[in-house]
Amino acid sequence: MDRESFVKEIANILDSKKGEDISALNVQGLTSLADYFVIASATSDTHAKALADYVEEEIKKKYGEKPQHVEGKEWNRWIVLDYGDVIVHIMLPDVRDYYGIDWLWSDAKKVKLE
């Protein structure tokens, strides 16, 4: 499976658990951190943890892939799942607004999600 399809699957998983304001960005050529970012908002810290856990569970089940690194589960305000070339950001709206992650990567090409 190509990585853009993988990104779309992550977005669908987030959407199925009521993740909000989901976007996917192709950041190739803009950073060496990853090729894609998937960004979603959660309605609460409990929701953020549930979203992250569900993404991990479903991706492991479907693709046998586990994140290389996970950050933020101790506070559940901004959780990062690092799949190497795909990084998933699950954030509370106030954190997302404060850090301006969407604005910060506004030069990136948006991945069209269904």
PDB file of N, CA and C in Angstrom:
ATOM      1  N   MET A   1       0.839  -1.186   0.000  1.00  0.00           N
ATOM      2  CA  MET A   1       0.000   0.000   0.000  1.00  0.00           C
ATOM      3  C   MET A   1       0.880   1.244   0.000  1.00  0.00           C
ATOM      4  N   ASP A   2       0.516   2.201  -0.844  1.00  0.00           N
ATOM      5  CA  ASP A   2       1.283   3.444  -0.867  1.00  0.00           C
ATOM      6  C   ASP A   2       0.960   4.265   0.377  1.00  0.00           C
ATOM      7  N   ARG A   3       1.870   5.154   0.724  1.00  0.00           N
ATOM      8  CA  ARG A   3       1.741   5.886   1.986  1.00  0.00           C
ATOM      9  C   ARG A   3       0.583   6.881   1.978  1.00  0.00           C
ATOM     10  N   GLU A   4       0.217   7.415   0.833  1.00  0.00           N
ATOM     11  CA  GLU A   4      -0.930   8.324   0.814  1.00  0.00           C
ATOM     12  C   GLU A   4      -2.211   7.572   1.171  1.00  0.00           C
ATOM     13  N   SER A   5      -2.326   6.343   0.706  1.00  0.00           N
ATOM     14  CA  SER A   5      -3.483   5.515   1.086  1.00  0.00           C
ATOM     15  C   SER A   5      -3.457   5.202   2.578  1.00  0.00           C
ATOM     16  N   PHE A   6      -2.266   4.986   3.121  1.00  0.00           N
ATOM     17  CA  PHE A   6      -2.089   4.757   4.550  1.00  0.00           C
ATOM     18  C   PHE A   6      -2.563   5.986   5.334  1.00  0.00           C
ATOM     19  N   VAL A   7      -2.189   7.164   4.865  1.00  0.00           N
ATOM     20  CA  VAL A   7      -2.606   8.428   5.481  1.00  0.00           C
ATOM     21  C   VAL A   7      -4.132   8.553   5.454  1.00  0.00           C
ATOM     22  N   LYS A   8      -4.735   8.243   4.326  1.00  0.00           N
ATOM     23  CA  LYS A   8      -6.194   8.317   4.205  1.00  0.00           C
ATOM     24  C   LYS A   8      -6.876   7.321   5.143  1.00  0.00           C
ATOM     25  N   GLU A   9      -6.274   6.150   5.314  1.00  0.00           N
ATOM     26  CA  GLU A   9      -6.838   5.162   6.235  1.00  0.00           C
ATOM     27  C   GLU A   9      -6.793   5.680   7.671  1.00  0.00           C
ATOM     28  N   ILE A  10      -5.692   6.307   8.061  1.00  0.00           N
ATOM     29  CA  ILE A  10      -5.598   6.889   9.400  1.00  0.00           C
ATOM     30  C   ILE A  10      -6.678   7.956   9.582  1.00  0.00           C
ATOM     31  N   ALA A  11      -6.858   8.802   8.579  1.00  0.00           N
ATOM     32  CA  ALA A  11      -7.902   9.834   8.646  1.00  0.00           C
ATOM     33  C   ALA A  11      -9.284   9.202   8.796  1.00  0.00           C
ATOM     34  N   ASN A  12      -9.542   8.120   8.075  1.00  0.00           N
ATOM     35  CA  ASN A  12     -10.833   7.430   8.183  1.00  0.00           C
ATOM     36  C   ASN A  12     -11.032   6.827   9.570  1.00  0.00           C
ATOM     37  N   ILE A  13      -9.970   6.271  10.139  1.00  0.00           N
ATOM     38  CA  ILE A  13     -10.036   5.710  11.490  1.00  0.00           C
ATOM     39  C   ILE A  13     -10.372   6.814  12.492  1.00  0.00           C
ATOM     40  N   LEU A  14      -9.698   7.953  12.372  1.00  0.00           N
ATOM     41  CA  LEU A  14      -9.975   9.082  13.255  1.00  0.00           C
ATOM     42  C   LEU A  14     -11.414   9.560  13.093  1.00  0.00           C
ATOM     43  N   ASP A  15     -11.871   9.632  11.874  1.00  0.00           N
ATOM     44  CA  ASP A  15     -13.235  10.078  11.593  1.00  0.00           C
ATOM     45  C   ASP A  15     -14.264   9.112  12.185  1.00  0.00           C
ATOM     46  N   SER A  16     -13.979   7.827  12.124  1.00  0.00           N
ATOM     47  CA  SER A  16     -14.930   6.830  12.631  1.00  0.00           C
ATOM     48  C   SER A  16     -15.114   6.922  14.143  1.00  0.00           C
ATOM     49  N   LYS A  17     -14.153   7.523  14.837  1.00  0.00           N
ATOM     50  CA  LYS A  17     -14.244   7.710  16.289  1.00  0.00           C
ATOM     51  C   LYS A  17     -14.516   9.172  16.647  1.00  0.00           C
ATOM     52  N   LYS A  18     -15.067   9.907  15.692  1.00  0.00           N
ATOM     53  CA  LYS A  18     -15.504  11.286  15.914  1.00  0.00           C
ATOM     54  C   LYS A  18     -14.364  12.285  16.119  1.00  0.00           C
ATOM     55  N   GLY A  19     -13.183  12.003  15.525  1.00  0.00           N
ATOM     56  CA  GLY A  19     -12.139  13.017  15.488  1.00  0.00           C
ATOM     57  C   GLY A  19     -12.667  14.204  14.701  1.00  0.00           C
ATOM     58  N   GLU A  20     -12.242  15.406  15.054  1.00  0.00           N
ATOM     59  CA  GLU A  20     -12.759  16.611  14.412  1.00  0.00           C
ATOM     60  C   GLU A  20     -11.673  17.342  13.634  1.00  0.00           C
ATOM     61  N   ASP A  21     -12.119  18.133  12.660  1.00  0.00           N
ATOM     62  CA  ASP A  21     -11.220  18.999  11.885  1.00  0.00           C
ATOM     63  C   ASP A  21      -9.977  18.230  11.406  1.00  0.00           C
ATOM     64  N   ILE A  22     -10.225  17.084  10.781  1.00  0.00           N
ATOM     65  CA  ILE A  22      -9.137  16.204  10.346  1.00  0.00           C
ATOM     66  C   ILE A  22      -8.544  16.736   9.046  1.00  0.00           C
ATOM     67  N   SER A  23      -7.227  16.826   9.011  1.00  0.00           N
ATOM     68  CA  SER A  23      -6.540  17.216   7.788  1.00  0.00           C
ATOM     69  C   SER A  23      -5.298  16.349   7.622  1.00  0.00           C
ATOM     70  N   ALA A  24      -4.866  16.230   6.393  1.00  0.00           N
ATOM     71  CA  ALA A  24      -3.653  15.480   6.081  1.00  0.00           C
ATOM     72  C   ALA A  24      -2.813  16.338   5.145  1.00  0.00           C
ATOM     73  N   LEU A  25      -1.536  16.425   5.454  1.00  0.00           N
ATOM     74  CA  LEU A  25      -0.626  17.283   4.692  1.00  0.00           C
ATOM     75  C   LEU A  25       0.537  16.481   4.147  1.00  0.00           C
ATOM     76  N   ASN A  26       0.870  16.744   2.909  1.00  0.00           N
ATOM     77  CA  ASN A  26       2.069  16.181   2.306  1.00  0.00           C
ATOM     78  C   ASN A  26       3.185  17.201   2.551  1.00  0.00           C
ATOM     79  N   VAL A  27       4.103  16.865   3.444  1.00  0.00           N
ATOM     80  CA  VAL A  27       5.169  17.797   3.834  1.00  0.00           C
ATOM     81  C   VAL A  27       6.516  17.416   3.206  1.00  0.00           C
ATOM     82  N   GLN A  28       6.478  16.559   2.191  1.00  0.00           N
ATOM     83  CA  GLN A  28       7.718  16.180   1.504  1.00  0.00           C
ATOM     84  C   GLN A  28       8.386  17.428   0.948  1.00  0.00           C
ATOM     85  N   GLY A  29       9.668  17.536   1.176  1.00  0.00           N
ATOM     86  CA  GLY A  29      10.420  18.686   0.693  1.00  0.00           C
ATOM     87  C   GLY A  29      10.383  19.887   1.625  1.00  0.00           C
ATOM     88  N   LEU A  30       9.514  19.854   2.627  1.00  0.00           N
ATOM     89  CA  LEU A  30       9.413  20.961   3.586  1.00  0.00           C
ATOM     90  C   LEU A  30      10.109  20.640   4.905  1.00  0.00           C
ATOM     91  N   THR A  31      10.251  19.355   5.203  1.00  0.00           N
ATOM     92  CA  THR A  31      10.885  18.922   6.438  1.00  0.00           C
ATOM     93  C   THR A  31      11.474  17.527   6.249  1.00  0.00           C
ATOM     94  N   SER A  32      12.468  17.220   7.044  1.00  0.00           N
ATOM     95  CA  SER A  32      13.026  15.874   7.011  1.00  0.00           C
ATOM     96  C   SER A  32      12.385  14.981   8.079  1.00  0.00           C
ATOM     97  N   LEU A  33      11.452  15.542   8.847  1.00  0.00           N
ATOM     98  CA  LEU A  33      10.781  14.783   9.913  1.00  0.00           C
ATOM     99  C   LEU A  33       9.922  13.652   9.380  1.00  0.00           C
ATOM    100  N   ALA A  34       9.198  13.907   8.304  1.00  0.00           N
ATOM    101  CA  ALA A  34       8.251  12.933   7.770  1.00  0.00           C
ATOM    102  C   ALA A  34       7.837  13.365   6.372  1.00  0.00           C
ATOM    103  N   ASP A  35       7.073  12.505   5.709  1.00  0.00           N
ATOM    104  CA  ASP A  35       6.501  12.850   4.414  1.00  0.00           C
ATOM    105  C   ASP A  35       5.061  13.345   4.544  1.00  0.00           C
ATOM    106  N   TYR A  36       4.379  12.883   5.590  1.00  0.00           N
ATOM    107  CA  TYR A  36       2.979  13.255   5.786  1.00  0.00           C
ATOM    108  C   TYR A  36       2.702  13.541   7.250  1.00  0.00           C
ATOM    109  N   PHE A  37       1.790  14.494   7.478  1.00  0.00           N
ATOM    110  CA  PHE A  37       1.230  14.751   8.798  1.00  0.00           C
ATOM    111  C   PHE A  37      -0.275  14.509   8.696  1.00  0.00           C
ATOM    112  N   VAL A  38      -0.825  13.866   9.690  1.00  0.00           N
ATOM    113  CA  VAL A  38      -2.276  13.775   9.839  1.00  0.00           C
ATOM    114  C   VAL A  38      -2.590  14.509  11.139  1.00  0.00           C
ATOM    115  N   ILE A  39      -3.522  15.445  11.078  1.00  0.00           N
ATOM    116  CA  ILE A  39      -3.844  16.280  12.234  1.00  0.00           C
ATOM    117  C   ILE A  39      -5.338  16.158  12.517  1.00  0.00           C
ATOM    118  N   ALA A  40      -5.659  15.943  13.791  1.00  0.00           N
ATOM    119  CA  ALA A  40      -7.069  15.856  14.186  1.00  0.00           C
ATOM    120  C   ALA A  40      -7.248  16.505  15.552  1.00  0.00           C
ATOM    121  N   SER A  41      -8.430  17.044  15.762  1.00  0.00           N
ATOM    122  CA  SER A  41      -8.781  17.596  17.070  1.00  0.00           C
ATOM    123  C   SER A  41      -9.652  16.594  17.822  1.00  0.00           C
ATOM    124  N   ALA A  42      -9.498  16.606  19.144  1.00  0.00           N
ATOM    125  CA  ALA A  42     -10.307  15.773  20.034  1.00  0.00           C
ATOM    126  C   ALA A  42     -11.140  16.692  20.915  1.00  0.00           C
ATOM    127  N   THR A  43     -12.252  16.190  21.390  1.00  0.00           N
ATOM    128  CA  THR A  43     -13.157  17.015  22.188  1.00  0.00           C
ATOM    129  C   THR A  43     -12.760  17.089  23.664  1.00  0.00           C
ATOM    130  N   SER A  44     -11.904  16.176  24.115  1.00  0.00           N
ATOM    131  CA  SER A  44     -11.454  16.153  25.514  1.00  0.00           C
ATOM    132  C   SER A  44     -10.166  15.345  25.595  1.00  0.00           C
ATOM    133  N   ASP A  45      -9.518  15.386  26.743  1.00  0.00           N
ATOM    134  CA  ASP A  45      -8.303  14.591  26.898  1.00  0.00           C
ATOM    135  C   ASP A  45      -8.617  13.094  26.836  1.00  0.00           C
ATOM    136  N   THR A  46      -9.771  12.700  27.351  1.00  0.00           N
ATOM    137  CA  THR A  46     -10.192  11.297  27.272  1.00  0.00           C
ATOM    138  C   THR A  46     -10.409  10.888  25.817  1.00  0.00           C
ATOM    139  N   HIS A  47     -11.031  11.764  25.046  1.00  0.00           N
ATOM    140  CA  HIS A  47     -11.267  11.507  23.625  1.00  0.00           C
ATOM    141  C   HIS A  47      -9.941  11.415  22.877  1.00  0.00           C
ATOM    142  N   ALA A  48      -8.987  12.282  23.199  1.00  0.00           N
ATOM    143  CA  ALA A  48      -7.678  12.259  22.544  1.00  0.00           C
ATOM    144  C   ALA A  48      -6.998  10.911  22.762  1.00  0.00           C
ATOM    145  N   LYS A  49      -7.015  10.426  23.993  1.00  0.00           N
ATOM    146  CA  LYS A  49      -6.398   9.129  24.295  1.00  0.00           C
ATOM    147  C   LYS A  49      -7.116   8.006  23.560  1.00  0.00           C
ATOM    148  N   ALA A  50      -8.455   8.060  23.534  1.00  0.00           N
ATOM    149  CA  ALA A  50      -9.235   7.036  22.840  1.00  0.00           C
ATOM    150  C   ALA A  50      -8.919   7.031  21.342  1.00  0.00           C
ATOM    151  N   LEU A  51      -8.793   8.215  20.742  1.00  0.00           N
ATOM    152  CA  LEU A  51      -8.441   8.302  19.327  1.00  0.00           C
ATOM    153  C   LEU A  51      -7.068   7.690  19.068  1.00  0.00           C
ATOM    154  N   ALA A  52      -6.095   8.061  19.885  1.00  0.00           N
ATOM    155  CA  ALA A  52      -4.730   7.542  19.706  1.00  0.00           C
ATOM    156  C   ALA A  52      -4.698   6.027  19.872  1.00  0.00           C
ATOM    157  N   ASP A  53      -5.350   5.530  20.907  1.00  0.00           N
ATOM    158  CA  ASP A  53      -5.381   4.082  21.141  1.00  0.00           C
ATOM    159  C   ASP A  53      -6.038   3.351  19.974  1.00  0.00           C
ATOM    160  N   TYR A  54      -7.119   3.917  19.450  1.00  0.00           N
ATOM    161  CA  TYR A  54      -7.842   3.277  18.348  1.00  0.00           C
ATOM    162  C   TYR A  54      -7.011   3.276  17.063  1.00  0.00           C
ATOM    163  N   VAL A  55      -6.326   4.371  16.780  1.00  0.00           N
ATOM    164  CA  VAL A  55      -5.448   4.406  15.598  1.00  0.00           C
ATOM    165  C   VAL A  55      -4.378   3.326  15.736  1.00  0.00           C
ATOM    166  N   GLU A  56      -3.730   3.274  16.893  1.00  0.00           N
ATOM    167  CA  GLU A  56      -2.692   2.259  17.106  1.00  0.00           C
ATOM    168  C   GLU A  56      -3.241   0.848  16.906  1.00  0.00           C
ATOM    169  N   GLU A  57      -4.383   0.574  17.501  1.00  0.00           N
ATOM    170  CA  GLU A  57      -5.000  -0.751  17.426  1.00  0.00           C
ATOM    171  C   GLU A  57      -5.365  -1.131  15.994  1.00  0.00           C
ATOM    172  N   GLU A  58      -6.031  -0.226  15.290  1.00  0.00           N
ATOM    173  CA  GLU A  58      -6.497  -0.522  13.929  1.00  0.00           C
ATOM    174  C   GLU A  58      -5.339  -0.632  12.936  1.00  0.00           C
ATOM    175  N   ILE A  59      -4.345   0.219  13.057  1.00  0.00           N
ATOM    176  CA  ILE A  59      -3.209   0.159  12.132  1.00  0.00           C
ATOM    177  C   ILE A  59      -2.414  -1.124  12.372  1.00  0.00           C
ATOM    178  N   LYS A  60      -2.268  -1.514  13.618  1.00  0.00           N
ATOM    179  CA  LYS A  60      -1.563  -2.776  13.924  1.00  0.00           C
ATOM    180  C   LYS A  60      -2.342  -3.951  13.349  1.00  0.00           C
ATOM    181  N   LYS A  61      -3.664  -3.933  13.506  1.00  0.00           N
ATOM    182  CA  LYS A  61      -4.515  -5.008  13.011  1.00  0.00           C
ATOM    183  C   LYS A  61      -4.478  -5.095  11.483  1.00  0.00           C
ATOM    184  N   LYS A  62      -4.588  -3.942  10.812  1.00  0.00           N
ATOM    185  CA  LYS A  62      -4.690  -3.926   9.353  1.00  0.00           C
ATOM    186  C   LYS A  62      -3.350  -4.026   8.629  1.00  0.00           C
ATOM    187  N   TYR A  63      -2.298  -3.435   9.215  1.00  0.00           N
ATOM    188  CA  TYR A  63      -1.013  -3.349   8.509  1.00  0.00           C
ATOM    189  C   TYR A  63       0.151  -3.967   9.277  1.00  0.00           C
ATOM    190  N   GLY A  64      -0.101  -4.391  10.502  1.00  0.00           N
ATOM    191  CA  GLY A  64       0.971  -4.959  11.311  1.00  0.00           C
ATOM    192  C   GLY A  64       2.025  -3.935  11.713  1.00  0.00           C
ATOM    193  N   GLU A  65       1.667  -2.667  11.657  1.00  0.00           N
ATOM    194  CA  GLU A  65       2.600  -1.580  11.971  1.00  0.00           C
ATOM    195  C   GLU A  65       2.289  -0.982  13.326  1.00  0.00           C
ATOM    196  N   LYS A  66       3.328  -0.789  14.122  1.00  0.00           N
ATOM    197  CA  LYS A  66       3.195  -0.071  15.387  1.00  0.00           C
ATOM    198  C   LYS A  66       3.957   1.243  15.249  1.00  0.00           C
ATOM    199  N   PRO A  67       3.533   2.280  15.972  1.00  0.00           N
ATOM    200  CA  PRO A  67       4.296   3.533  15.897  1.00  0.00           C
ATOM    201  C   PRO A  67       5.712   3.323  16.428  1.00  0.00           C
ATOM    202  N   GLN A  68       6.659   4.008  15.787  1.00  0.00           N
ATOM    203  CA  GLN A  68       8.045   3.936  16.240  1.00  0.00           C
ATOM    204  C   GLN A  68       8.205   4.653  17.573  1.00  0.00           C
ATOM    205  N   HIS A  69       7.356   5.647  17.788  1.00  0.00           N
ATOM    206  CA  HIS A  69       7.431   6.432  19.011  1.00  0.00           C
ATOM    207  C   HIS A  69       6.066   7.073  19.273  1.00  0.00           C
ATOM    208  N   VAL A  70       5.718   7.191  20.546  1.00  0.00           N
ATOM    209  CA  VAL A  70       4.472   7.842  20.956  1.00  0.00           C
ATOM    210  C   VAL A  70       4.820   8.875  22.018  1.00  0.00           C
ATOM    211  N   GLU A  71       4.278  10.073  21.874  1.00  0.00           N
ATOM    212  CA  GLU A  71       4.490  11.149  22.858  1.00  0.00           C
ATOM    213  C   GLU A  71       3.142  11.716  23.273  1.00  0.00           C
ATOM    214  N   GLY A  72       3.053  12.166  24.502  1.00  0.00           N
ATOM    215  CA  GLY A  72       1.919  12.952  24.962  1.00  0.00           C
ATOM    216  C   GLY A  72       0.810  12.202  25.666  1.00  0.00           C
ATOM    217  N   LYS A  73       0.918  10.888  25.797  1.00  0.00           N
ATOM    218  CA  LYS A  73      -0.177  10.144  26.432  1.00  0.00           C
ATOM    219  C   LYS A  73      -0.263  10.373  27.936  1.00  0.00           C
ATOM    220  N   GLU A  74       0.763  10.965  28.512  1.00  0.00           N
ATOM    221  CA  GLU A  74       0.680  11.244  29.946  1.00  0.00           C
ATOM    222  C   GLU A  74      -0.259  12.412  30.240  1.00  0.00           C
ATOM    223  N   TRP A  75      -0.459  13.302  29.264  1.00  0.00           N
ATOM    224  CA  TRP A  75      -1.353  14.458  29.471  1.00  0.00           C
ATOM    225  C   TRP A  75      -2.560  14.444  28.537  1.00  0.00           C
ATOM    226  N   ASN A  76      -2.443  13.796  27.385  1.00  0.00           N
ATOM    227  CA  ASN A  76      -3.541  13.650  26.425  1.00  0.00           C
ATOM    228  C   ASN A  76      -4.073  14.974  25.881  1.00  0.00           C
ATOM    229  N   ARG A  77      -3.208  15.968  25.792  1.00  0.00           N
ATOM    230  CA  ARG A  77      -3.595  17.252  25.195  1.00  0.00           C
ATOM    231  C   ARG A  77      -3.061  17.351  23.763  1.00  0.00           C
ATOM    232  N   TRP A  78      -1.911  16.754  23.522  1.00  0.00           N
ATOM    233  CA  TRP A  78      -1.316  16.680  22.190  1.00  0.00           C
ATOM    234  C   TRP A  78      -0.569  15.354  22.132  1.00  0.00           C
ATOM    235  N   ILE A  79      -1.153  14.414  21.435  1.00  0.00           N
ATOM    236  CA  ILE A  79      -0.552  13.086  21.310  1.00  0.00           C
ATOM    237  C   ILE A  79       0.026  12.955  19.911  1.00  0.00           C
ATOM    238  N   VAL A  80       1.253  12.463  19.856  1.00  0.00           N
ATOM    239  CA  VAL A  80       1.938  12.258  18.573  1.00  0.00           C
ATOM    240  C   VAL A  80       2.223  10.768  18.402  1.00  0.00           C
ATOM    241  N   LEU A  81       1.765  10.218  17.289  1.00  0.00           N
ATOM    242  CA  LEU A  81       2.073   8.845  16.901  1.00  0.00           C
ATOM    243  C   LEU A  81       3.012   8.923  15.707  1.00  0.00           C
ATOM    244  N   ASP A  82       4.215   8.430  15.869  1.00  0.00           N
ATOM    245  CA  ASP A  82       5.239   8.535  14.828  1.00  0.00           C
ATOM    246  C   ASP A  82       5.367   7.201  14.105  1.00  0.00           C
ATOM    247  N   TYR A  83       4.892   7.165  12.868  1.00  0.00           N
ATOM    248  CA  TYR A  83       5.006   5.981  12.017  1.00  0.00           C
ATOM    249  C   TYR A  83       6.151   6.145  11.010  1.00  0.00           C
ATOM    250  N   GLY A  84       7.160   6.900  11.380  1.00  0.00           N
ATOM    251  CA  GLY A  84       8.316   7.109  10.499  1.00  0.00           C
ATOM    252  C   GLY A  84       8.050   8.206   9.497  1.00  0.00           C
ATOM    253  N   ASP A  85       7.519   7.847   8.362  1.00  0.00           N
ATOM    254  CA  ASP A  85       7.250   8.835   7.320  1.00  0.00           C
ATOM    255  C   ASP A  85       5.861   9.455   7.438  1.00  0.00           C
ATOM    256  N   VAL A  86       5.074   8.984   8.405  1.00  0.00           N
ATOM    257  CA  VAL A  86       3.742   9.543   8.677  1.00  0.00           C
ATOM    258  C   VAL A  86       3.661   9.846  10.171  1.00  0.00           C
ATOM    259  N   ILE A  87       3.358  11.091  10.496  1.00  0.00           N
ATOM    260  CA  ILE A  87       3.216  11.497  11.893  1.00  0.00           C
ATOM    261  C   ILE A  87       1.783  11.954  12.128  1.00  0.00           C
ATOM    262  N   VAL A  88       1.161  11.362  13.147  1.00  0.00           N
ATOM    263  CA  VAL A  88      -0.221  11.673  13.495  1.00  0.00           C
ATOM    264  C   VAL A  88      -0.225  12.585  14.719  1.00  0.00           C
ATOM    265  N   HIS A  89      -0.896  13.730  14.598  1.00  0.00           N
ATOM    266  CA  HIS A  89      -1.042  14.696  15.697  1.00  0.00           C
ATOM    267  C   HIS A  89      -2.510  14.694  16.113  1.00  0.00           C
ATOM    268  N   ILE A  90      -2.772  14.355  17.375  1.00  0.00           N
ATOM    269  CA  ILE A  90      -4.119  14.420  17.931  1.00  0.00           C
ATOM    270  C   ILE A  90      -4.070  15.465  19.041  1.00  0.00           C
ATOM    271  N   MET A  91      -4.855  16.531  18.868  1.00  0.00           N
ATOM    272  CA  MET A  91      -4.719  17.693  19.752  1.00  0.00           C
ATOM    273  C   MET A  91      -6.071  18.182  20.239  1.00  0.00           C
ATOM    274  N   LEU A  92      -6.060  18.757  21.436  1.00  0.00           N
ATOM    275  CA  LEU A  92      -7.237  19.489  21.870  1.00  0.00           C
ATOM    276  C   LEU A  92      -7.286  20.800  21.087  1.00  0.00           C
ATOM    277  N   PRO A  93      -8.467  21.328  20.784  1.00  0.00           N
ATOM    278  CA  PRO A  93      -8.575  22.531  19.958  1.00  0.00           C
ATOM    279  C   PRO A  93      -7.757  23.719  20.461  1.00  0.00           C
ATOM    280  N   ASP A  94      -7.730  23.947  21.788  1.00  0.00           N
ATOM    281  CA  ASP A  94      -6.977  25.098  22.302  1.00  0.00           C
ATOM    282  C   ASP A  94      -5.472  24.921  22.081  1.00  0.00           C
ATOM    283  N   VAL A  95      -4.985  23.698  22.159  1.00  0.00           N
ATOM    284  CA  VAL A  95      -3.570  23.420  21.913  1.00  0.00           C
ATOM    285  C   VAL A  95      -3.262  23.606  20.425  1.00  0.00           C
ATOM    286  N   ARG A  96      -4.154  23.111  19.600  1.00  0.00           N
ATOM    287  CA  ARG A  96      -3.980  23.249  18.140  1.00  0.00           C
ATOM    288  C   ARG A  96      -3.955  24.718  17.733  1.00  0.00           C
ATOM    289  N   ASP A  97      -4.846  25.502  18.309  1.00  0.00           N
ATOM    290  CA  ASP A  97      -4.874  26.938  18.024  1.00  0.00           C
ATOM    291  C   ASP A  97      -3.622  27.633  18.548  1.00  0.00           C
ATOM    292  N   TYR A  98      -3.228  27.303  19.762  1.00  0.00           N
ATOM    293  CA  TYR A  98      -2.075  27.951  20.389  1.00  0.00           C
ATOM    294  C   TYR A  98      -0.793  27.737  19.574  1.00  0.00           C
ATOM    295  N   TYR A  99      -0.566  26.499  19.151  1.00  0.00           N
ATOM    296  CA  TYR A  99       0.666  26.200  18.409  1.00  0.00           C
ATOM    297  C   TYR A  99       0.547  26.493  16.917  1.00  0.00           C
ATOM    298  N   GLY A 100      -0.655  26.718  16.429  1.00  0.00           N
ATOM    299  CA  GLY A 100      -0.841  27.098  15.028  1.00  0.00           C
ATOM    300  C   GLY A 100      -0.266  26.109  14.044  1.00  0.00           C
ATOM    301  N   ILE A 101      -0.422  24.833  14.342  1.00  0.00           N
ATOM    302  CA  ILE A 101       0.194  23.802  13.501  1.00  0.00           C
ATOM    303  C   ILE A 101      -0.303  23.865  12.059  1.00  0.00           C
ATOM    304  N   ASP A 102      -1.579  24.187  11.871  1.00  0.00           N
ATOM    305  CA  ASP A 102      -2.114  24.279  10.506  1.00  0.00           C
ATOM    306  C   ASP A 102      -1.488  25.460   9.761  1.00  0.00           C
ATOM    307  N   TRP A 103      -1.334  26.571  10.454  1.00  0.00           N
ATOM    308  CA  TRP A 103      -0.703  27.754   9.851  1.00  0.00           C
ATOM    309  C   TRP A 103       0.778  27.489   9.593  1.00  0.00           C
ATOM    310  N   LEU A 104       1.436  26.850  10.553  1.00  0.00           N
ATOM    311  CA  LEU A 104       2.868  26.565  10.454  1.00  0.00           C
ATOM    312  C   LEU A 104       3.205  25.762   9.197  1.00  0.00           C
ATOM    313  N   TRP A 105       2.322  24.850   8.820  1.00  0.00           N
ATOM    314  CA  TRP A 105       2.547  23.991   7.654  1.00  0.00           C
ATOM    315  C   TRP A 105       1.628  24.367   6.495  1.00  0.00           C
ATOM    316  N   SER A 106       1.250  25.629   6.401  1.00  0.00           N
ATOM    317  CA  SER A 106       0.326  26.070   5.349  1.00  0.00           C
ATOM    318  C   SER A 106       0.913  25.961   3.942  1.00  0.00           C
ATOM    319  N   ASP A 107       2.237  25.838   3.828  1.00  0.00           N
ATOM    320  CA  ASP A 107       2.862  25.650   2.509  1.00  0.00           C
ATOM    321  C   ASP A 107       2.733  24.215   2.002  1.00  0.00           C
ATOM    322  N   ALA A 108       2.344  23.309   2.868  1.00  0.00           N
ATOM    323  CA  ALA A 108       2.241  21.892   2.500  1.00  0.00           C
ATOM    324  C   ALA A 108       1.012  21.669   1.609  1.00  0.00           C
ATOM    325  N   LYS A 109       1.145  20.669   0.763  1.00  0.00           N
ATOM    326  CA  LYS A 109       0.031  20.277  -0.103  1.00  0.00           C
ATOM    327  C   LYS A 109      -0.961  19.454   0.717  1.00  0.00           C
ATOM    328  N   LYS A 110      -2.245  19.805   0.658  1.00  0.00           N
ATOM    329  CA  LYS A 110      -3.262  19.070   1.385  1.00  0.00           C
ATOM    330  C   LYS A 110      -3.575  17.765   0.644  1.00  0.00           C
ATOM    331  N   VAL A 111      -3.703  16.705   1.416  1.00  0.00           N
ATOM    332  CA  VAL A 111      -4.120  15.420   0.861  1.00  0.00           C
ATOM    333  C   VAL A 111      -5.643  15.415   0.854  1.00  0.00           C
ATOM    334  N   LYS A 112      -6.220  15.096  -0.285  1.00  0.00           N
ATOM    335  CA  LYS A 112      -7.687  15.082  -0.411  1.00  0.00           C
ATOM    336  C   LYS A 112      -8.221  13.856   0.319  1.00  0.00           C
ATOM    337  N   LEU A 113      -9.062  14.110   1.323  1.00  0.00           N
ATOM    338  CA  LEU A 113      -9.662  13.042   2.112  1.00  0.00           C
ATOM    339  C   LEU A 113     -11.104  12.830   1.671  1.00  0.00           C
ATOM    340  N   GLU A 114     -11.570  11.609   1.748  1.00  0.00           N
ATOM    341  CA  GLU A 114     -12.952  11.312   1.351  1.00  0.00           C
ATOM    342  C   GLU A 114     -13.921  11.836   2.370  1.00  0.00           C
TER     343      GLU A 114
END
